[in-house]
PDB file of N, CA and C in Angstrom:
ATOM      1  N   MET A   1      27.401  34.233  46.660  1.00  0.00           N
ATOM      2  CA  MET A   1      27.652  35.475  46.960  1.00  0.00           C
ATOM      3  C   MET A   1      27.263  35.565  48.852  1.00  0.00           C
ATOM      4  N   ARG A   2      28.742  35.962  48.805  1.00  0.00           N
ATOM      5  CA  ARG A   2      29.366  36.448  50.803  1.00  0.00           C
ATOM      6  C   ARG A   2      28.982  37.526  50.691  1.00  0.00           C
ATOM      7  N   LEU A   3      27.957  37.882  51.489  1.00  0.00           N
ATOM      8  CA  LEU A   3      27.333  39.080  51.915  1.00  0.00           C
ATOM      9  C   LEU A   3      27.007  39.087  53.573  1.00  0.00           C
ATOM     10  N   PRO A   4      27.320  39.791  54.231  1.00  0.00           N
ATOM     11  CA  PRO A   4      26.669  39.955  55.627  1.00  0.00           C
ATOM     12  C   PRO A   4      25.572  39.290  56.120  1.00  0.00           C
ATOM     13  N   TRP A   5      24.432  39.922  54.945  1.00  0.00           N
ATOM     14  CA  TRP A   5      22.918  38.925  55.389  1.00  0.00           C
ATOM     15  C   TRP A   5      22.842  37.666  54.738  1.00  0.00           C
ATOM     16  N   THR A   6      23.819  37.194  54.155  1.00  0.00           N
ATOM     17  CA  THR A   6      23.500  36.200  53.246  1.00  0.00           C
ATOM     18  C   THR A   6      24.053  35.053  53.994  1.00  0.00           C
ATOM     19  N   VAL A   7      25.233  35.723  55.018  1.00  0.00           N
ATOM     20  CA  VAL A   7      25.938  34.306  55.865  1.00  0.00           C
ATOM     21  C   VAL A   7      25.555  33.923  56.608  1.00  0.00           C
ATOM     22  N   VAL A   8      24.617  35.003  57.444  1.00  0.00           N
ATOM     23  CA  VAL A   8      23.815  34.690  58.698  1.00  0.00           C
ATOM     24  C   VAL A   8      22.373  34.405  58.467  1.00  0.00           C
ATOM     25  N   ASN A   9      21.740  34.397  57.015  1.00  0.00           N
ATOM     26  CA  ASN A   9      20.389  33.563  56.755  1.00  0.00           C
ATOM     27  C   ASN A   9      20.462  32.308  55.350  1.00  0.00           C
ATOM     28  N   GLU A  10      20.439  31.449  55.947  1.00  0.00           N
ATOM     29  CA  GLU A  10      20.628  30.344  54.992  1.00  0.00           C
ATOM     30  C   GLU A  10      19.773  30.544  53.745  1.00  0.00           C
ATOM     31  N   ALA A  11      18.603  30.988  54.181  1.00  0.00           N
ATOM     32  CA  ALA A  11      17.486  31.385  52.977  1.00  0.00           C
ATOM     33  C   ALA A  11      17.552  32.617  52.140  1.00  0.00           C
ATOM     34  N   ALA A  12      18.284  33.548  52.611  1.00  0.00           N
ATOM     35  CA  ALA A  12      18.835  34.985  51.809  1.00  0.00           C
ATOM     36  C   ALA A  12      20.183  33.916  51.154  1.00  0.00           C
ATOM     37  N   TRP A  13      20.998  33.081  51.548  1.00  0.00           N
ATOM     38  CA  TRP A  13      22.222  32.776  50.707  1.00  0.00           C
ATOM     39  C   TRP A  13      21.764  31.762  49.527  1.00  0.00           C
ATOM     40  N   LYS A  14      20.722  31.122  49.711  1.00  0.00           N
ATOM     41  CA  LYS A  14      20.134  30.321  48.421  1.00  0.00           C
ATOM     42  C   LYS A  14      19.718  31.457  47.455  1.00  0.00           C
ATOM     43  N   ALA A  15      18.589  32.038  47.736  1.00  0.00           N
ATOM     44  CA  ALA A  15      18.253  33.261  46.955  1.00  0.00           C
ATOM     45  C   ALA A  15      19.169  33.742  46.381  1.00  0.00           C
ATOM     46  N   ALA A  16      20.175  34.570  46.849  1.00  0.00           N
ATOM     47  CA  ALA A  16      21.209  35.448  46.374  1.00  0.00           C
ATOM     48  C   ALA A  16      21.954  34.482  44.932  1.00  0.00           C
ATOM     49  N   ASN A  17      22.327  33.561  45.746  1.00  0.00           N
ATOM     50  CA  ASN A  17      23.241  32.546  44.913  1.00  0.00           C
ATOM     51  C   ASN A  17      22.280  31.934  43.616  1.00  0.00           C
ATOM     52  N   ARG A  18      21.103  31.858  43.863  1.00  0.00           N
ATOM     53  CA  ARG A  18      20.278  31.216  42.632  1.00  0.00           C
ATOM     54  C   ARG A  18      19.982  32.321  41.678  1.00  0.00           C
ATOM     55  N   THR A  19      19.831  33.779  42.408  1.00  0.00           N
ATOM     56  CA  THR A  19      19.323  34.529  41.357  1.00  0.00           C
ATOM     57  C   THR A  19      21.109  35.028  40.385  1.00  0.00           C
ATOM     58  N   ALA A  20      21.767  35.113  40.966  1.00  0.00           N
ATOM     59  CA  ALA A  20      22.986  34.975  40.749  1.00  0.00           C
ATOM     60  C   ALA A  20      23.430  34.068  39.456  1.00  0.00           C
ATOM     61  N   GLY A  21      23.369  33.040  39.712  1.00  0.00           N
ATOM     62  CA  GLY A  21      23.700  31.575  39.133  1.00  0.00           C
ATOM     63  C   GLY A  21      22.716  32.283  37.827  1.00  0.00           C
ATOM     64  N   TYR A  22      21.533  32.328  38.007  1.00  0.00           N
ATOM     65  CA  TYR A  22      20.289  32.144  36.621  1.00  0.00           C
ATOM     66  C   TYR A  22      21.023  33.417  36.036  1.00  0.00           C
ATOM     67  N   GLY A  23      21.568  34.677  36.525  1.00  0.00           N
ATOM     68  CA  GLY A  23      22.099  35.623  35.785  1.00  0.00           C
ATOM     69  C   GLY A  23      23.411  35.661  34.934  1.00  0.00           C
ATOM     70  N   PHE A  24      24.341  35.009  36.012  1.00  0.00           N
ATOM     71  CA  PHE A  24      25.537  34.683  35.067  1.00  0.00           C
ATOM     72  C   PHE A  24      25.546  33.600  33.953  1.00  0.00           C
ATOM     73  N   MET A  25      24.433  32.819  34.182  1.00  0.00           N
ATOM     74  CA  MET A  25      24.433  32.003  33.083  1.00  0.00           C
ATOM     75  C   MET A  25      23.836  32.533  31.878  1.00  0.00           C
ATOM     76  N   MET A  26      23.069  33.442  31.835  1.00  0.00           N
ATOM     77  CA  MET A  26      22.156  33.898  30.683  1.00  0.00           C
ATOM     78  C   MET A  26      23.294  35.046  30.322  1.00  0.00           C
ATOM     79  N   LEU A  27      24.373  35.413  31.173  1.00  0.00           N
ATOM     80  CA  LEU A  27      25.225  36.695  30.458  1.00  0.00           C
ATOM     81  C   LEU A  27      26.759  36.057  29.887  1.00  0.00           C
ATOM     82  N   GLY A  28      26.834  34.819  30.190  1.00  0.00           N
ATOM     83  CA  GLY A  28      27.459  33.795  29.890  1.00  0.00           C
ATOM     84  C   GLY A  28      27.516  33.663  28.272  1.00  0.00           C
ATOM     85  N   CYS A  29      26.255  32.860  28.105  1.00  0.00           N
ATOM     86  CA  CYS A  29      25.639  32.636  26.808  1.00  0.00           C
ATOM     87  C   CYS A  29      25.233  33.737  25.948  1.00  0.00           C
ATOM     88  N   LEU A  30      25.462  35.237  26.392  1.00  0.00           N
ATOM     89  CA  LEU A  30      25.554  36.276  25.719  1.00  0.00           C
ATOM     90  C   LEU A  30      26.656  36.938  25.180  1.00  0.00           C
ATOM     91  N   LEU A  31      27.653  36.638  25.900  1.00  0.00           N
ATOM     92  CA  LEU A  31      28.885  36.886  26.338  1.00  0.00           C
ATOM     93  C   LEU A  31      29.605  36.088  24.916  1.00  0.00           C
ATOM     94  N   VAL A  32      29.268  34.835  24.552  1.00  0.00           N
ATOM     95  CA  VAL A  32      29.752  33.988  23.719  1.00  0.00           C
ATOM     96  C   VAL A  32      29.003  34.415  22.402  1.00  0.00           C
ATOM     97  N   ILE A  33      27.727  34.909  22.333  1.00  0.00           N
ATOM     98  CA  ILE A  33      27.014  35.456  20.978  1.00  0.00           C
ATOM     99  C   ILE A  33      27.560  36.866  21.186  1.00  0.00           C
ATOM    100  N   ALA A  34      27.998  37.672  21.949  1.00  0.00           N
ATOM    101  CA  ALA A  34      28.585  38.787  21.367  1.00  0.00           C
ATOM    102  C   ALA A  34      29.999  39.076  20.765  1.00  0.00           C
ATOM    103  N   SER A  35      30.870  37.650  20.898  1.00  0.00           N
ATOM    104  CA  SER A  35      31.977  37.536  19.807  1.00  0.00           C
ATOM    105  C   SER A  35      31.556  37.877  18.720  1.00  0.00           C
ATOM    106  N   LEU A  36      30.196  37.696  18.507  1.00  0.00           N
ATOM    107  CA  LEU A  36      30.364  37.954  17.152  1.00  0.00           C
ATOM    108  C   LEU A  36      29.681  39.376  16.591  1.00  0.00           C
ATOM    109  N   LEU A  37      29.391  40.015  17.410  1.00  0.00           N
ATOM    110  CA  LEU A  37      28.752  41.663  17.146  1.00  0.00           C
ATOM    111  C   LEU A  37      29.385  42.572  17.416  1.00  0.00           C
ATOM    112  N   PRO A  38      29.243  43.645  17.185  1.00  0.00           N
ATOM    113  CA  PRO A  38      30.225  44.581  17.464  1.00  0.00           C
ATOM    114  C   PRO A  38      30.829  44.893  18.626  1.00  0.00           C
ATOM    115  N   LEU A  39      31.843  45.584  18.734  1.00  0.00           N
ATOM    116  CA  LEU A  39      32.401  45.716  20.141  1.00  0.00           C
ATOM    117  C   LEU A  39      31.688  46.547  21.095  1.00  0.00           C
ATOM    118  N   TRP A  40      30.826  47.362  21.084  1.00  0.00           N
ATOM    119  CA  TRP A  40      30.427  48.070  21.767  1.00  0.00           C
ATOM    120  C   TRP A  40      29.312  47.580  22.707  1.00  0.00           C
ATOM    121  N   ILE A  41      28.732  45.849  21.869  1.00  0.00           N
ATOM    122  CA  ILE A  41      28.060  45.677  22.578  1.00  0.00           C
ATOM    123  C   ILE A  41      28.512  44.762  23.871  1.00  0.00           C
ATOM    124  N   ASP A  42      30.178  44.398  24.080  1.00  0.00           N
ATOM    125  CA  ASP A  42      30.571  44.099  25.487  1.00  0.00           C
ATOM    126  C   ASP A  42      30.447  45.031  26.456  1.00  0.00           C
ATOM    127  N   LEU A  43      30.487  46.202  26.470  1.00  0.00           N
ATOM    128  CA  LEU A  43      30.275  47.588  27.141  1.00  0.00           C
ATOM    129  C   LEU A  43      28.782  47.397  27.820  1.00  0.00           C
ATOM    130  N   VAL A  44      27.721  47.269  26.857  1.00  0.00           N
ATOM    131  CA  VAL A  44      26.669  46.444  27.250  1.00  0.00           C
ATOM    132  C   VAL A  44      26.474  45.839  28.206  1.00  0.00           C
ATOM    133  N   LEU A  45      27.149  44.100  27.549  1.00  0.00           N
ATOM    134  CA  LEU A  45      26.952  43.218  28.693  1.00  0.00           C
ATOM    135  C   LEU A  45      27.999  43.259  29.744  1.00  0.00           C
ATOM    136  N   PHE A  46      29.082  44.377  30.048  1.00  0.00           N
ATOM    137  CA  PHE A  46      29.540  44.517  31.015  1.00  0.00           C
ATOM    138  C   PHE A  46      28.612  44.969  32.105  1.00  0.00           C
ATOM    139  N   ALA A  47      28.068  46.483  31.752  1.00  0.00           N
ATOM    140  CA  ALA A  47      26.816  47.035  32.307  1.00  0.00           C
ATOM    141  C   ALA A  47      26.017  45.700  33.086  1.00  0.00           C
ATOM    142  N   LEU A  48      25.603  45.026  32.352  1.00  0.00           N
ATOM    143  CA  LEU A  48      24.660  43.878  32.821  1.00  0.00           C
ATOM    144  C   LEU A  48      25.062  43.234  33.714  1.00  0.00           C
ATOM    145  N   ILE A  49      26.525  42.931  33.895  1.00  0.00           N
ATOM    146  CA  ILE A  49      27.097  42.405  34.637  1.00  0.00           C
ATOM    147  C   ILE A  49      26.951  42.884  35.938  1.00  0.00           C
ATOM    148  N   PHE A  50      27.006  44.010  36.421  1.00  0.00           N
ATOM    149  CA  PHE A  50      27.240  45.142  37.320  1.00  0.00           C
ATOM    150  C   PHE A  50      25.297  44.903  37.876  1.00  0.00           C
ATOM    151  N   VAL A  51      24.506  45.445  36.682  1.00  0.00           N
ATOM    152  CA  VAL A  51      23.207  45.024  37.380  1.00  0.00           C
ATOM    153  C   VAL A  51      23.059  43.240  37.471  1.00  0.00           C
ATOM    154  N   ALA A  52      23.822  42.538  37.169  1.00  0.00           N
ATOM    155  CA  ALA A  52      23.100  41.185  37.932  1.00  0.00           C
ATOM    156  C   ALA A  52      23.443  41.139  39.485  1.00  0.00           C
ATOM    157  N   VAL A  53      25.066  41.535  39.363  1.00  0.00           N
ATOM    158  CA  VAL A  53      25.394  41.414  41.213  1.00  0.00           C
ATOM    159  C   VAL A  53      24.563  42.221  41.907  1.00  0.00           C
ATOM    160  N   ILE A  54      23.859  43.677  41.230  1.00  0.00           N
ATOM    161  CA  ILE A  54      23.313  44.154  42.752  1.00  0.00           C
ATOM    162  C   ILE A  54      22.024  43.864  42.422  1.00  0.00           C
ATOM    163  N   ALA A  55      21.243  43.014  41.370  1.00  0.00           N
ATOM    164  CA  ALA A  55      20.094  42.334  41.743  1.00  0.00           C
ATOM    165  C   ALA A  55      20.100  41.267  42.934  1.00  0.00           C
ATOM    166  N   ALA A  56      21.311  40.592  42.429  1.00  0.00           N
ATOM    167  CA  ALA A  56      21.450  39.324  43.392  1.00  0.00           C
ATOM    168  C   ALA A  56      21.371  39.795  44.597  1.00  0.00           C
ATOM    169  N   SER A  57      22.327  40.844  44.800  1.00  0.00           N
ATOM    170  CA  SER A  57      22.761  41.076  46.226  1.00  0.00           C
ATOM    171  C   SER A  57      21.304  41.647  46.989  1.00  0.00           C
ATOM    172  N   LEU A  58      20.796  42.492  46.632  1.00  0.00           N
ATOM    173  CA  LEU A  58      19.232  43.062  46.505  1.00  0.00           C
ATOM    174  C   LEU A  58      18.154  41.723  47.115  1.00  0.00           C
ATOM    175  N   GLN A  59      18.250  40.856  46.242  1.00  0.00           N
ATOM    176  CA  GLN A  59      17.518  39.444  46.353  1.00  0.00           C
ATOM    177  C   GLN A  59      17.373  39.086  47.746  1.00  0.00           C
ATOM    178  N   GLY A  60      18.959  38.732  48.157  1.00  0.00           N
ATOM    179  CA  GLY A  60      18.962  38.067  49.035  1.00  0.00           C
ATOM    180  C   GLY A  60      18.974  39.247  50.597  1.00  0.00           C
ATOM    181  N   TYR A  61      18.974  40.557  50.373  1.00  0.00           N
ATOM    182  CA  TYR A  61      18.812  41.154  50.706  1.00  0.00           C
ATOM    183  C   TYR A  61      17.254  41.457  51.620  1.00  0.00           C
ATOM    184  N   VAL A  62      16.417  41.312  50.599  1.00  0.00           N
ATOM    185  CA  VAL A  62      14.989  41.000  50.274  1.00  0.00           C
ATOM    186  C   VAL A  62      14.418  39.968  51.302  1.00  0.00           C
ATOM    187  N   VAL A  63      15.139  38.831  51.062  1.00  0.00           N
ATOM    188  CA  VAL A  63      14.740  37.614  51.507  1.00  0.00           C
ATOM    189  C   VAL A  63      15.461  37.741  53.411  1.00  0.00           C
ATOM    190  N   TYR A  64      16.278  38.282  53.134  1.00  0.00           N
ATOM    191  CA  TYR A  64      16.709  38.508  54.583  1.00  0.00           C
ATOM    192  C   TYR A  64      15.982  39.379  55.761  1.00  0.00           C
ATOM    193  N   ARG A  65      15.649  40.479  55.320  1.00  0.00           N
ATOM    194  CA  ARG A  65      14.544  41.204  55.821  1.00  0.00           C
ATOM    195  C   ARG A  65      13.107  40.538  56.151  1.00  0.00           C
ATOM    196  N   ARG A  66      12.742  39.556  55.431  1.00  0.00           N
ATOM    197  CA  ARG A  66      11.481  39.361  55.508  1.00  0.00           C
ATOM    198  C   ARG A  66      11.677  38.226  56.466  1.00  0.00           C
ATOM    199  N   ALA A  67      12.557  37.563  56.606  1.00  0.00           N
ATOM    200  CA  ALA A  67      12.830  36.484  57.504  1.00  0.00           C
ATOM    201  C   ALA A  67      13.037  36.870  59.018  1.00  0.00           C
ATOM    202  N   ASN A  68      13.983  38.186  58.782  1.00  0.00           N
ATOM    203  CA  ASN A  68      14.240  38.776  60.698  1.00  0.00           C
ATOM    204  C   ASN A  68      12.742  39.623  60.597  1.00  0.00           C
ATOM    205  N   ALA A  69      11.757  40.003  59.605  1.00  0.00           N
ATOM    206  CA  ALA A  69      11.059  40.742  60.317  1.00  0.00           C
ATOM    207  C   ALA A  69       9.552  40.180  60.915  1.00  0.00           C
ATOM    208  N   ARG A  70       9.696  38.388  60.369  1.00  0.00           N
ATOM    209  CA  ARG A  70       8.711  37.372  60.767  1.00  0.00           C
ATOM    210  C   ARG A  70       8.654  37.578  62.310  1.00  0.00           C
ATOM    211  N   THR A  71      10.682  37.213  62.364  1.00  0.00           N
ATOM    212  CA  THR A  71      10.809  36.792  63.795  1.00  0.00           C
ATOM    213  C   THR A  71      10.808  37.758  64.810  1.00  0.00           C
ATOM    214  N   SER A  72      10.652  38.887  64.293  1.00  0.00           N
ATOM    215  CA  SER A  72      10.622  40.333  65.326  1.00  0.00           C
ATOM    216  C   SER A  72       9.108  40.429  65.904  1.00  0.00           C
TER     217      SER A  72
END
């Protein structure tokens, strides 16, 4: 995830990408299972993709802010 705060902070980069990696791996598995379920499940999964992106972005931002708070 290339965001302004992840580019300048290595810990934020690792945290955001670790969170995104775990989230997208779980969603990928759920997407395979969802192919056997009704169509509306796909809409729920797409909403969860949005949530995973927001969660990973926030994780990186929180790590970035904590690192900057210690150096200030």
